[in-house]
C-alpha atoms as a PDB file:
ATOM      1  CA  MET A   1     143.028  97.071 106.391  1.00  0.00           C
ATOM      2  CA  HIS A   2     143.309  94.556 103.667  1.00  0.00           C
ATOM      3  CA  LEU A   3     140.346  93.052 101.715  1.00  0.00           C
ATOM      4  CA  LEU A   4     140.757  89.713  99.991  1.00  0.00           C
ATOM      5  CA  HIS A   5     139.302  90.144  96.527  1.00  0.00           C
ATOM      6  CA  SER A   6     139.500  86.585  95.366  1.00  0.00           C
ATOM      7  CA  ALA A   7     138.194  83.300  96.785  1.00  0.00           C
ATOM      8  CA  ARG A   8     140.644  80.505  97.674  1.00  0.00           C
ATOM      9  CA  GLY A   9     138.513  77.746  96.684  1.00  0.00           C
ATOM     10  CA  PRO A  10     134.843  76.348  96.806  1.00  0.00           C
ATOM     11  CA  ASP A  11     135.190  75.731 100.618  1.00  0.00           C
ATOM     12  CA  GLN A  12     135.214  79.478 101.309  1.00  0.00           C
ATOM     13  CA  ALA A  13     131.394  79.785 100.654  1.00  0.00           C
ATOM     14  CA  GLY A  14     130.146  76.575 101.912  1.00  0.00           C
ATOM     15  CA  PRO A  15     127.970  75.765 104.980  1.00  0.00           C
ATOM     16  CA  ASN A  16     130.554  73.623 106.727  1.00  0.00           C
ATOM     17  CA  LEU A  17     132.286  74.515 109.903  1.00  0.00           C
ATOM     18  CA  VAL A  18     135.597  72.932 110.723  1.00  0.00           C
ATOM     19  CA  ILE A  19     136.909  73.092 114.208  1.00  0.00           C
ATOM     20  CA  GLU A  20     140.552  72.161 114.709  1.00  0.00           C
ATOM     21  CA  LEU A  21     142.021  71.257 117.910  1.00  0.00           C
ATOM     22  CA  ALA A  22     144.408  73.912 119.568  1.00  0.00           C
ATOM     23  CA  GLN A  23     147.212  71.287 119.126  1.00  0.00           C
ATOM     24  CA  TYR A  24     146.953  71.846 115.327  1.00  0.00           C
ATOM     25  CA  TRP A  25     148.419  75.238 115.719  1.00  0.00           C
ATOM     26  CA  SER A  26     151.587  73.944 117.469  1.00  0.00           C
ATOM     27  CA  THR A  27     152.293  71.682 114.571  1.00  0.00           C
ATOM     28  CA  THR A  28     152.083  74.111 111.842  1.00  0.00           C
ATOM     29  CA  GLU A  29     154.048  77.352 110.790  1.00  0.00           C
ATOM     30  CA  LEU A  30     150.645  79.075 110.290  1.00  0.00           C
ATOM     31  CA  LYS A  31     149.814  81.682 112.818  1.00  0.00           C
ATOM     32  CA  PRO A  32     146.388  81.649 114.274  1.00  0.00           C
ATOM     33  CA  SER A  33     144.209  84.383 112.828  1.00  0.00           C
ATOM     34  CA  GLN A  34     140.612  85.596 112.293  1.00  0.00           C
ATOM     35  CA  GLU A  35     139.072  86.264 108.839  1.00  0.00           C
ATOM     36  CA  ILE A  36     135.823  87.937 107.867  1.00  0.00           C
ATOM     37  CA  VAL A  37     134.345  87.029 104.482  1.00  0.00           C
ATOM     38  CA  PHE A  38     131.594  88.946 102.776  1.00  0.00           C
ATOM     39  CA  ILE A  39     129.512  87.129 100.034  1.00  0.00           C
ATOM     40  CA  GLY A  40     127.031  88.871  98.093  1.00  0.00           C
ATOM     41  CA  ILE A  41     125.928  90.416  94.751  1.00  0.00           C
ATOM     42  CA  ARG A  42     127.027  93.923  93.725  1.00  0.00           C
ATOM     43  CA  ILE A  43     128.776  94.561  97.063  1.00  0.00           C
ATOM     44  CA  ASP A  44     129.943  98.127  97.263  1.00  0.00           C
ATOM     45  CA  ARG A  45     133.741  97.573  97.974  1.00  0.00           C
ATOM     46  CA  ALA A  46     134.490 101.146  98.577  1.00  0.00           C
ATOM     47  CA  LYS A  47     131.659 101.611 100.899  1.00  0.00           C
ATOM     48  CA  LEU A  48     132.408  98.468 102.700  1.00  0.00           C
ATOM     49  CA  THR A  49     135.958  99.337 103.124  1.00  0.00           C
ATOM     50  CA  GLN A  50     135.000 102.931 104.432  1.00  0.00           C
ATOM     51  CA  LEU A  51     132.634 101.410 106.993  1.00  0.00           C
ATOM     52  CA  LEU A  52     135.095  98.806 108.238  1.00  0.00           C
ATOM     53  CA  ASP A  53     137.852 101.373 108.335  1.00  0.00           C
ATOM     54  CA  SER A  54     135.567 103.733 110.332  1.00  0.00           C
ATOM     55  CA  ALA A  55     135.170 101.098 113.014  1.00  0.00           C
ATOM     56  CA  LEU A  56     139.007 100.815 113.706  1.00  0.00           C
ATOM     57  CA  LEU A  57     140.484 102.706 116.676  1.00  0.00           C
ATOM     58  CA  THR A  58     142.978 105.460 115.751  1.00  0.00           C
ATOM     59  CA  ASP A  59     146.596 105.145 117.149  1.00  0.00           C
ATOM     60  CA  ALA A  60     145.645 107.879 119.581  1.00  0.00           C
ATOM     61  CA  GLU A  61     142.588 105.957 120.799  1.00  0.00           C
ATOM     62  CA  MET A  62     144.586 102.714 121.014  1.00  0.00           C
ATOM     63  CA  ALA A  63     147.030 104.475 123.226  1.00  0.00           C
ATOM     64  CA  GLN A  64     144.394 105.537 125.648  1.00  0.00           C
ATOM     65  CA  GLY A  65     143.746 101.824 126.795  1.00  0.00           C
ATOM     66  CA  GLU A  66     140.819  99.827 127.892  1.00  0.00           C
ATOM     67  CA  ARG A  67     139.673 102.112 130.587  1.00  0.00           C
ATOM     68  CA  ALA A  68     138.985 104.941 128.039  1.00  0.00           C
ATOM     69  CA  TRP A  69     137.421 102.564 125.591  1.00  0.00           C
ATOM     70  CA  LEU A  70     134.781 101.566 128.048  1.00  0.00           C
ATOM     71  CA  ALA A  71     133.686 105.164 128.411  1.00  0.00           C
ATOM     72  CA  TYR A  72     133.106 105.525 124.486  1.00  0.00           C
ATOM     73  CA  PRO A  73     129.613 105.485 123.436  1.00  0.00           C
ATOM     74  CA  ASP A  74     128.070 102.242 121.975  1.00  0.00           C
ATOM     75  CA  PRO A  75     126.845 103.034 118.368  1.00  0.00           C
ATOM     76  CA  LEU A  76     124.875  99.819 118.302  1.00  0.00           C
ATOM     77  CA  PRO A  77     121.159  99.517 119.532  1.00  0.00           C
ATOM     78  CA  ALA A  78     120.609  98.006 122.852  1.00  0.00           C
ATOM     79  CA  TRP A  79     120.211  94.352 122.940  1.00  0.00           C
ATOM     80  CA  GLY A  80     116.923  93.059 124.158  1.00  0.00           C
ATOM     81  CA  VAL A  81     114.492  90.347 123.570  1.00  0.00           C
ATOM     82  CA  THR A  82     112.553  91.137 120.547  1.00  0.00           C
ATOM     83  CA  HIS A  83     110.473  87.794 120.384  1.00  0.00           C
ATOM     84  CA  SER A  84     110.320  84.659 122.257  1.00  0.00           C
ATOM     85  CA  HIS A  85     109.810  81.127 121.250  1.00  0.00           C
ATOM     86  CA  THR A  86     107.284  78.711 122.809  1.00  0.00           C
ATOM     87  CA  HIS A  87     107.734  74.848 122.383  1.00  0.00           C
END
């Protein structure tokens, strides 16, 4: 895993969301990708890297395929409605 350690510009931390049409990708040499950005004060980079790395599948787990993955225990708590809104 590679972590970016420098921002590429002021737009990286702003509240704006830009949605490009799929056609955009066919007119550029850029490959579509995903990016996750952590912004904070005193982020423990080593701990963050360790946590993210621990979430990755090993080569052996990847080779097992989706059927095996579905049998893995879910480490996240069950999702449920914790509150409701009334209008």
